[in-house]
Amino acid sequence: MDALNRDCHCVAVAPEAMHEALAAAVGAHGLSSTFTDSHPNLFAALPVYVSRDHLTKLDRVVAAVQAAVALPDYQAAVLTWAPEIARFDPGTLGGMLGLDFHITPEGPRLIEINTNPGGALLNALVGQALRSCMPEVVTTPTDMAKAEQQILEVMRQEWTSQMGDRPLHSIAIVDEVPEAQYLYPEFLLFRELFIRHGIDVTICDPAELEYRRGRMRVHGKAVDMIYNRLTDFPLAASAHEAIRASYLAGEVVVTPHPRAHAIYADKRNLVLLGNREFLSRAGAASEVIDVLTSAVPATILMTSENRDELWRRRRELFFKPAAGFGSKAGYRGEKLTRRVWEEIGANAYIAQELVPPSERHTGDGNGPLKTDVRCYAYHGKSLLYAARLYQGQTTNFRTPGGGFAPVLTSVT
């Protein structure tokens, strides 16, 4: 697989073809849009090759994370730094996770966990459009034709876990000014998927929602479920009061929800997930402990007491905000200036052992692109895999030739 990442430069998915497929998919319900100009680096042309051994290890990490977060002592520990709303348990897992990995010669290293991971349906679309130049040698790790149905089933499971046998009639896909979001094309794909299965869907800004007479409503229509793409994870903003009130009253299913972010995605949780002593005290099985301590890079909570030491060691560390998302406000230590260092000192940050990403060579003479691998998962099970190609400190969808890339592995 390493040799293929270095030497194979065959185009597996022409980006222009992916934009046409995306426009056709959202156009099925009169949702006209073209994304070639606005999203030129959404899709990469080259696949990323990952060995079956690495994928097996990655799956073990996914299962081990789920086992660890279910431990009462783990939940009690992470809730000590979580907002008060995270103590409310609506009875659902909180939707699909995105676990991001750097692939190293020693195996996958878990860089972070996300509770509202973008790109699942976009990558399902990529997987179905994939044309491998070596079908007898490499293949997709999962059946991409089933990916859409699996994603739909996650949403249905979230609904039934809280609402039982009640029928699901309507969903609101909610984000701030959704049409301005970079992954708005995926909102359209989710809308198309839900409509195709008989569910009424509205894509809206939270200001369009109203909570009255025990029901969440949008434009006068009742809303059963909110697919939450907001980055206000505790729903603390005044603009999100209607969602917060309805959620706490149990009148609407919100996925992902504040408790899920606190349990899975707060970056401070990695301090515990990679700590053998803590996991042992919490009652984790020895296999779970071995898998997590091998996969989670050494992670330290930044405090006033250790700031000076972390500054001295900064070149071997990556600094991330506890409630960060989309690589925002994350800094590679060697790039930090004293001014930025003082700014991040006023916020909750972690310092994580620097794990260099693997590389994908493009053959265009511009040097290799960095690679990370995202596993979309639910309830400890991997659903599909995707890669992101980029340059710079973090993934950003600004790199020519970069973007979402399909993952391929060996046939046997």
Protein backbone atom coordinates (compact mmCIF):
# COMPACT_ATOMS: atom_id res chain seq x y z
CA MET A 1 0.00 0.00 0.00
CA ASP A 2 2.88 2.38 0.75
CA ALA A 3 4.30 1.74 -2.72
CA LEU A 4 0.93 2.51 -4.32
CA ASN A 5 0.63 5.76 -2.37
CA ARG A 6 4.06 6.67 -3.67
CA ASP A 7 3.93 5.45 -7.26
CA CYS A 8 0.32 5.04 -8.45
CA HIS A 9 -0.99 8.26 -9.99
CA CYS A 10 -4.03 6.92 -11.83
CA VAL A 11 -7.09 9.16 -11.46
CA ALA A 12 -9.76 7.13 -9.66
CA VAL A 13 -12.46 9.80 -9.50
CA ALA A 14 -12.35 12.79 -11.80
CA PRO A 15 -13.30 15.79 -9.62
CA GLU A 16 -15.37 17.33 -12.41
CA ALA A 17 -17.34 14.08 -12.69
CA MET A 18 -17.96 14.14 -8.93
CA HIS A 19 -19.33 17.68 -9.15
CA GLU A 20 -21.67 16.55 -11.93
CA ALA A 21 -22.79 13.56 -9.87
CA LEU A 22 -23.38 15.80 -6.86
CA ALA A 23 -25.46 18.23 -8.90
CA ALA A 24 -27.48 15.34 -10.33
CA ALA A 25 -28.08 13.84 -6.89
CA VAL A 26 -29.39 17.03 -5.32
CA GLY A 27 -31.26 17.89 -8.50
CA ALA A 28 -33.45 14.82 -8.09
CA HIS A 29 -35.86 16.97 -6.05
CA GLY A 30 -35.44 20.23 -7.87
CA LEU A 31 -32.50 21.33 -5.72
CA SER A 32 -30.54 23.01 -8.44
CA SER A 33 -26.91 23.84 -7.68
CA THR A 34 -23.48 23.63 -9.19
CA PHE A 35 -20.38 23.45 -7.02
CA THR A 36 -17.46 23.35 -9.44
CA ASP A 37 -16.61 27.02 -8.99
CA SER A 38 -17.40 27.35 -5.29
CA HIS A 39 -15.86 24.01 -4.19
CA PRO A 40 -12.93 23.29 -6.54
CA ASN A 41 -11.02 21.34 -3.88
CA LEU A 42 -13.85 19.33 -2.35
CA PHE A 43 -12.82 16.10 -4.07
CA ALA A 44 -9.33 14.75 -4.71
CA ALA A 45 -8.60 12.85 -7.89
CA LEU A 46 -6.37 10.20 -6.32
CA PRO A 47 -7.36 7.42 -3.91
CA VAL A 48 -5.46 6.68 -0.70
CA TYR A 49 -4.29 3.10 -0.11
CA VAL A 50 -4.50 1.64 3.41
CA SER A 51 -3.49 -1.92 4.29
CA ARG A 52 -6.03 -4.38 5.66
CA ASP A 53 -3.87 -4.76 8.74
CA HIS A 54 -4.13 -1.04 9.46
CA LEU A 55 -7.88 -1.08 8.83
CA THR A 56 -8.30 -3.99 11.24
CA LYS A 57 -6.39 -2.06 13.90
CA LEU A 58 -8.47 1.01 13.16
CA ASP A 59 -11.67 -1.01 13.69
CA ARG A 60 -10.34 -2.23 17.02
CA VAL A 61 -9.78 1.36 18.10
CA VAL A 62 -13.37 2.24 17.16
CA ALA A 63 -14.70 -0.64 19.26
CA ALA A 64 -12.35 0.16 22.15
CA VAL A 65 -13.44 3.79 22.26
CA GLN A 66 -17.06 2.72 22.52
CA ALA A 67 -16.23 0.29 25.31
CA ALA A 68 -14.29 2.94 27.24
CA VAL A 69 -16.87 5.72 26.99
CA ALA A 70 -19.54 3.35 28.34
CA LEU A 71 -17.66 3.01 31.65
CA PRO A 72 -19.38 4.92 34.51
CA ASP A 73 -16.06 6.15 35.89
CA TYR A 74 -15.04 7.49 32.49
CA GLN A 75 -18.32 9.35 32.09
CA ALA A 76 -18.07 10.77 35.59
CA ALA A 77 -14.54 12.01 34.88
CA VAL A 78 -15.28 13.74 31.57
CA LEU A 79 -18.46 15.33 32.91
CA THR A 80 -16.37 17.21 35.47
CA TRP A 81 -15.16 19.53 32.69
CA ALA A 82 -18.33 19.40 30.58
CA PRO A 83 -21.09 22.04 30.57
CA GLU A 84 -24.11 21.39 32.81
CA ILE A 85 -26.37 20.48 29.87
CA ALA A 86 -24.18 17.40 29.19
CA ARG A 87 -25.57 15.78 32.34
CA PHE A 88 -28.93 15.41 30.61
CA ASP A 89 -29.10 12.01 28.91
CA PRO A 90 -31.79 11.83 26.21
CA GLY A 91 -31.27 8.09 25.79
CA THR A 92 -29.50 8.16 22.42
CA LEU A 93 -25.84 7.69 21.53
CA GLY A 94 -25.78 11.01 19.71
CA GLY A 95 -25.31 10.01 16.11
CA MET A 96 -22.48 9.00 13.86
CA LEU A 97 -18.89 9.66 14.92
CA GLY A 98 -15.92 10.66 12.80
CA LEU A 99 -12.66 9.25 14.18
CA ASP A 100 -9.63 10.82 12.54
CA PHE A 101 -6.38 8.88 12.23
CA HIS A 102 -2.86 9.36 11.03
CA ILE A 103 -1.49 6.11 9.63
CA THR A 104 2.02 5.36 10.86
CA PRO A 105 4.29 2.33 10.29
CA GLU A 106 3.33 1.18 13.80
CA GLY A 107 -0.39 1.45 13.08
CA PRO A 108 -3.19 4.03 13.14
CA ARG A 109 -2.93 6.83 15.70
CA LEU A 110 -6.21 8.41 16.83
CA ILE A 111 -5.83 12.17 16.47
CA GLU A 112 -9.37 13.23 17.44
CA ILE A 113 -13.03 12.26 17.60
CA ASN A 114 -15.87 14.32 16.12
CA THR A 115 -19.60 14.11 16.82
CA ASN A 116 -20.88 16.01 13.79
CA PRO A 117 -18.46 14.72 11.15
CA GLY A 118 -18.96 16.18 7.73
CA GLY A 119 -18.52 14.27 4.52
CA ALA A 120 -20.24 10.93 5.10
CA LEU A 121 -22.70 11.21 2.21
CA LEU A 122 -20.17 13.00 0.03
CA ASN A 123 -17.77 10.10 0.47
CA ALA A 124 -20.54 7.59 -0.17
CA LEU A 125 -21.06 9.37 -3.48
CA VAL A 126 -17.31 9.21 -4.19
CA GLY A 127 -17.27 5.49 -3.39
CA GLN A 128 -20.04 4.76 -5.85
CA ALA A 129 -18.30 6.74 -8.61
CA LEU A 130 -14.92 5.11 -7.99
CA ARG A 131 -13.20 3.41 -10.91
CA SER A 132 -10.18 1.39 -9.80
CA CYS A 133 -7.40 0.80 -12.31
CA MET A 134 -6.55 -2.49 -10.54
CA PRO A 135 -9.83 -4.18 -9.51
CA GLU A 136 -8.11 -7.53 -9.18
CA VAL A 137 -5.64 -6.06 -6.66
CA VAL A 138 -7.44 -3.35 -4.65
CA THR A 139 -11.02 -2.65 -3.58
CA THR A 140 -13.03 -0.47 -1.23
CA PRO A 141 -12.97 -1.74 2.39
CA THR A 142 -16.77 -1.51 2.71
CA ASP A 143 -19.70 -1.83 0.33
CA MET A 144 -20.18 1.78 -0.72
CA ALA A 145 -23.52 0.96 -2.35
CA LYS A 146 -24.88 0.28 1.15
CA ALA A 147 -23.37 3.38 2.79
CA GLU A 148 -26.39 5.62 2.27
CA GLN A 149 -28.71 3.05 3.83
CA GLN A 150 -26.39 2.61 6.81
CA ILE A 151 -26.30 6.36 7.40
CA LEU A 152 -30.09 6.49 7.20
CA GLU A 153 -30.32 3.63 9.70
CA VAL A 154 -28.14 5.57 12.15
CA MET A 155 -30.65 8.42 12.05
CA ARG A 156 -33.57 6.01 12.48
CA GLN A 157 -31.82 4.35 15.43
CA GLU A 158 -31.35 7.73 17.06
CA TRP A 159 -35.08 8.32 16.66
CA THR A 160 -36.28 4.97 17.98
CA SER A 161 -33.85 5.00 20.92
CA GLN A 162 -35.65 8.06 22.27
CA MET A 163 -39.12 7.90 20.76
CA GLY A 164 -39.75 4.17 20.40
CA ASP A 165 -42.30 3.13 17.78
CA ARG A 166 -43.59 6.61 17.05
CA PRO A 167 -43.32 7.35 13.32
CA LEU A 168 -40.67 9.83 12.20
CA HIS A 169 -42.35 12.40 9.95
CA SER A 170 -40.05 15.42 9.79
CA ILE A 171 -36.41 16.44 10.18
CA ALA A 172 -34.79 19.88 10.32
CA ILE A 173 -31.15 20.08 9.23
CA VAL A 174 -29.89 23.01 11.29
CA ASP A 175 -26.81 25.21 11.00
CA GLU A 176 -26.00 28.91 11.10
CA VAL A 177 -26.79 30.40 7.67
CA PRO A 178 -26.69 26.91 6.12
CA GLU A 179 -26.34 28.10 2.53
CA ALA A 180 -23.05 29.76 3.50
CA GLN A 181 -21.53 26.60 5.02
CA TYR A 182 -18.80 24.94 3.00
CA LEU A 183 -20.46 21.53 3.32
CA TYR A 184 -23.90 22.83 2.34
CA PRO A 185 -23.80 20.43 -0.65
CA GLU A 186 -23.95 17.58 1.87
CA PHE A 187 -26.98 19.14 3.56
CA LEU A 188 -28.67 18.88 0.17
CA LEU A 189 -27.66 15.21 -0.11
CA PHE A 190 -29.13 14.49 3.33
CA ARG A 191 -32.31 16.29 2.37
CA GLU A 192 -32.56 14.23 -0.81
CA LEU A 193 -31.95 10.99 1.13
CA PHE A 194 -34.61 11.71 3.74
CA ILE A 195 -37.18 12.85 1.18
CA ARG A 196 -36.56 9.70 -0.84
CA HIS A 197 -37.58 7.69 2.24
CA GLY A 198 -40.77 9.60 2.92
CA ILE A 199 -39.50 12.08 5.54
CA ASP A 200 -40.27 15.78 5.25
CA VAL A 201 -37.08 17.87 5.49
CA THR A 202 -36.25 21.54 6.01
CA ILE A 203 -32.74 22.99 5.94
CA CYS A 204 -32.78 26.03 8.19
CA ASP A 205 -30.99 28.50 10.41
CA PRO A 206 -31.78 28.12 14.15
CA ALA A 207 -33.51 31.51 14.06
CA GLU A 208 -36.21 29.91 11.90
CA LEU A 209 -37.11 27.43 14.66
CA GLU A 210 -39.79 28.04 17.24
CA TYR A 211 -40.66 25.99 20.33
CA ARG A 212 -44.28 26.37 21.40
CA ARG A 213 -47.05 24.25 22.85
CA GLY A 214 -44.65 21.36 23.42
CA ARG A 215 -43.48 21.12 19.80
CA MET A 216 -40.55 22.36 17.80
CA ARG A 217 -41.70 24.07 14.63
CA VAL A 218 -40.15 25.56 11.52
CA HIS A 219 -42.25 27.86 9.34
CA GLY A 220 -45.29 26.59 11.22
CA LYS A 221 -44.55 22.89 10.55
CA ALA A 222 -43.88 20.46 13.40
CA VAL A 223 -40.31 19.10 13.64
CA ASP A 224 -39.73 15.63 15.09
CA MET A 225 -35.95 15.51 14.82
CA ILE A 226 -33.06 17.96 14.45
CA TYR A 227 -29.98 16.89 12.55
CA ASN A 228 -27.64 19.24 14.37
CA ARG A 229 -24.71 20.66 12.37
CA LEU A 230 -24.13 23.58 14.77
CA THR A 231 -20.71 24.04 16.35
CA ASP A 232 -22.25 25.50 19.51
CA PHE A 233 -21.94 22.08 21.13
CA PRO A 234 -23.64 22.94 24.49
CA LEU A 235 -26.41 24.92 22.71
CA ALA A 236 -25.44 27.86 24.92
CA ALA A 237 -26.06 30.75 22.51
CA SER A 238 -29.28 32.71 22.97
CA ALA A 239 -30.11 32.01 19.32
CA HIS A 240 -30.31 28.30 20.21
CA GLU A 241 -32.69 28.66 23.15
CA ALA A 242 -35.60 27.02 21.29
CA ILE A 243 -33.50 23.96 20.47
CA ARG A 244 -32.15 23.76 24.01
CA ALA A 245 -35.62 24.01 25.63
CA SER A 246 -37.19 21.43 23.34
CA TYR A 247 -34.22 19.07 23.73
CA LEU A 248 -34.24 19.24 27.54
CA ALA A 249 -38.01 18.69 27.55
CA GLY A 250 -37.56 15.53 25.49
CA GLU A 251 -39.94 16.87 22.84
CA VAL A 252 -37.50 16.65 19.93
CA VAL A 253 -34.67 14.27 19.09
CA VAL A 254 -31.43 16.20 18.63
CA THR A 255 -28.50 14.40 17.01
CA PRO A 256 -25.68 14.91 17.75
CA HIS A 257 -26.49 16.36 21.16
CA PRO A 258 -24.51 18.12 23.92
CA ARG A 259 -23.94 14.97 25.98
CA ALA A 260 -22.48 13.13 22.98
CA HIS A 261 -19.97 15.90 22.39
CA ALA A 262 -18.97 15.88 26.07
CA ILE A 263 -18.61 12.09 26.19
CA TYR A 264 -16.82 11.56 22.88
CA ALA A 265 -15.45 14.71 21.30
CA ASP A 266 -14.09 17.10 23.92
CA LYS A 267 -10.36 17.01 23.17
CA ARG A 268 -9.57 16.73 26.90
CA ASN A 269 -11.07 13.24 26.84
CA LEU A 270 -7.99 12.01 24.95
CA VAL A 271 -5.99 12.60 28.11
CA LEU A 272 -8.03 9.78 29.70
CA LEU A 273 -8.48 7.53 26.66
CA GLY A 274 -4.71 7.18 26.33
CA ASN A 275 -3.99 6.80 30.06
CA ARG A 276 -3.37 3.18 31.05
CA GLU A 277 -3.60 3.86 34.78
CA PHE A 278 -6.91 5.70 34.51
CA LEU A 279 -8.47 3.10 32.20
CA SER A 280 -7.43 0.30 34.55
CA ARG A 281 -8.98 2.09 37.55
CA ALA A 282 -12.13 2.72 35.53
CA GLY A 283 -12.54 -1.02 34.90
CA ALA A 284 -11.67 -1.23 31.20
CA ALA A 285 -10.80 -4.66 29.84
CA SER A 286 -7.10 -5.30 29.27
CA GLU A 287 -7.60 -5.57 25.50
CA VAL A 288 -9.36 -2.20 25.42
CA ILE A 289 -6.53 -0.64 27.43
CA ASP A 290 -3.85 -2.08 25.14
CA VAL A 291 -5.63 -0.91 21.98
CA LEU A 292 -6.25 2.63 23.22
CA THR A 293 -2.87 3.27 24.79
CA SER A 294 -1.20 2.13 21.57
CA ALA A 295 -3.42 4.29 19.37
CA VAL A 296 -3.93 7.53 21.30
CA PRO A 297 -0.90 9.86 21.17
CA ALA A 298 0.34 11.09 24.55
CA THR A 299 -1.99 13.96 25.44
CA ILE A 300 -1.64 16.50 28.25
CA LEU A 301 -4.11 19.05 29.57
CA MET A 302 -2.47 22.46 29.37
CA THR A 303 -2.39 24.24 32.75
CA SER A 304 -0.71 27.27 34.29
CA GLU A 305 1.67 24.89 36.05
CA ASN A 306 2.94 23.11 32.91
CA ARG A 307 2.85 26.01 30.42
CA ASP A 308 6.57 26.73 30.61
CA GLU A 309 7.50 23.08 30.13
CA LEU A 310 5.11 22.72 27.18
CA TRP A 311 6.59 25.84 25.56
CA ARG A 312 10.05 24.29 25.82
CA ARG A 313 8.76 21.07 24.23
CA ARG A 314 6.48 22.78 21.70
CA ARG A 315 8.29 21.50 18.59
CA GLU A 316 7.24 17.93 19.40
CA LEU A 317 3.62 18.85 20.21
CA PHE A 318 0.36 19.88 18.55
CA PHE A 319 -1.96 22.22 20.50
CA LYS A 320 -5.75 21.97 20.19
CA PRO A 321 -8.66 23.75 21.88
CA ALA A 322 -10.80 21.48 24.06
CA ALA A 323 -13.99 22.27 22.14
CA GLY A 324 -12.34 22.82 18.78
CA PHE A 325 -13.71 21.67 15.44
CA GLY A 326 -12.63 21.61 11.83
CA SER A 327 -8.98 22.16 12.80
CA LYS A 328 -9.81 25.71 13.91
CA ALA A 329 -7.39 27.28 16.41
CA GLY A 330 -5.14 24.21 16.32
CA TYR A 331 -1.41 24.88 16.14
CA ARG A 332 1.66 22.87 15.38
CA GLY A 333 4.08 23.78 18.15
CA GLU A 334 6.96 24.76 15.90
CA LYS A 335 4.70 27.35 14.22
CA LEU A 336 3.63 29.05 17.44
CA THR A 337 4.57 32.65 18.11
CA ARG A 338 4.73 34.16 21.58
CA ARG A 339 1.65 36.28 20.80
CA VAL A 340 -0.47 33.24 19.88
CA TRP A 341 0.94 31.33 22.85
CA GLU A 342 -0.33 34.02 25.22
CA GLU A 343 -3.73 34.00 23.51
CA ILE A 344 -4.28 30.26 23.80
CA GLY A 345 -3.19 30.38 27.44
CA ALA A 346 -6.53 32.01 28.27
CA ASN A 347 -8.49 29.01 26.94
CA ALA A 348 -8.78 25.28 27.59
CA TYR A 349 -6.18 23.54 25.42
CA ILE A 350 -4.53 20.16 25.15
CA ALA A 351 -0.99 19.40 24.03
CA GLN A 352 -0.78 16.25 21.93
CA GLU A 353 2.30 14.31 20.86
CA LEU A 354 3.00 15.29 17.28
CA VAL A 355 2.24 12.39 14.93
CA PRO A 356 3.24 13.23 11.35
CA PRO A 357 0.62 12.23 8.77
CA SER A 358 1.36 9.78 6.01
CA GLU A 359 1.84 11.09 2.47
CA ARG A 360 0.21 10.62 -0.93
CA HIS A 361 2.44 11.36 -3.89
CA THR A 362 0.66 12.97 -6.83
CA GLY A 363 3.20 12.75 -9.63
CA ASP A 364 2.64 16.38 -10.63
CA GLY A 365 6.02 17.61 -9.47
CA ASN A 366 4.56 19.68 -6.62
CA GLY A 367 5.52 17.28 -3.86
CA PRO A 368 3.39 14.89 -1.81
CA LEU A 369 0.15 15.74 -0.03
CA LYS A 370 -0.47 14.96 3.61
CA THR A 371 -3.11 12.36 4.41
CA ASP A 372 -5.46 11.57 7.22
CA VAL A 373 -8.06 8.82 7.35
CA ARG A 374 -11.53 9.29 8.80
CA CYS A 375 -13.65 6.39 9.98
CA TYR A 376 -17.37 7.06 10.19
CA ALA A 377 -18.72 4.85 12.96
CA TYR A 378 -21.74 4.18 15.16
CA HIS A 379 -22.06 2.15 18.35
CA GLY A 380 -18.49 0.85 18.05
CA LYS A 381 -18.87 -0.30 14.44
CA SER A 382 -17.07 1.17 11.42
CA LEU A 383 -19.47 2.16 8.62
CA LEU A 384 -17.21 3.64 5.96
CA TYR A 385 -13.76 5.15 5.53
CA ALA A 386 -12.51 8.22 3.71
CA ALA A 387 -9.27 10.12 3.42
CA ARG A 388 -8.47 13.80 3.19
CA LEU A 389 -5.51 15.15 1.22
CA TYR A 390 -4.05 18.53 2.12
CA GLN A 391 -1.02 20.76 2.58
CA GLY A 392 -0.22 22.95 5.56
CA GLN A 393 -0.84 22.33 9.26
CA THR A 394 -4.38 20.95 8.98
CA THR A 395 -7.04 19.81 6.54
CA ASN A 396 -8.66 22.84 4.94
CA PHE A 397 -10.08 21.99 1.47
CA ARG A 398 -7.93 24.74 0.00
CA THR A 399 -5.19 22.57 -1.50
CA PRO A 400 -5.27 22.12 -5.30
CA GLY A 401 -5.58 18.39 -5.90
CA GLY A 402 -6.68 17.87 -2.30
CA GLY A 403 -10.03 17.21 -0.66
CA PHE A 404 -11.99 14.07 0.18
CA ALA A 405 -10.39 10.96 -1.32
CA PRO A 406 -11.61 7.36 -1.48
CA VAL A 407 -9.82 4.70 0.57
CA LEU A 408 -8.74 1.51 -1.16
CA THR A 409 -7.21 -1.63 0.31
CA SER A 410 -6.01 -5.00 -0.91
CA VAL A 411 -8.56 -7.49 -2.25
CA THR A 412 -7.23 -10.20 0.08
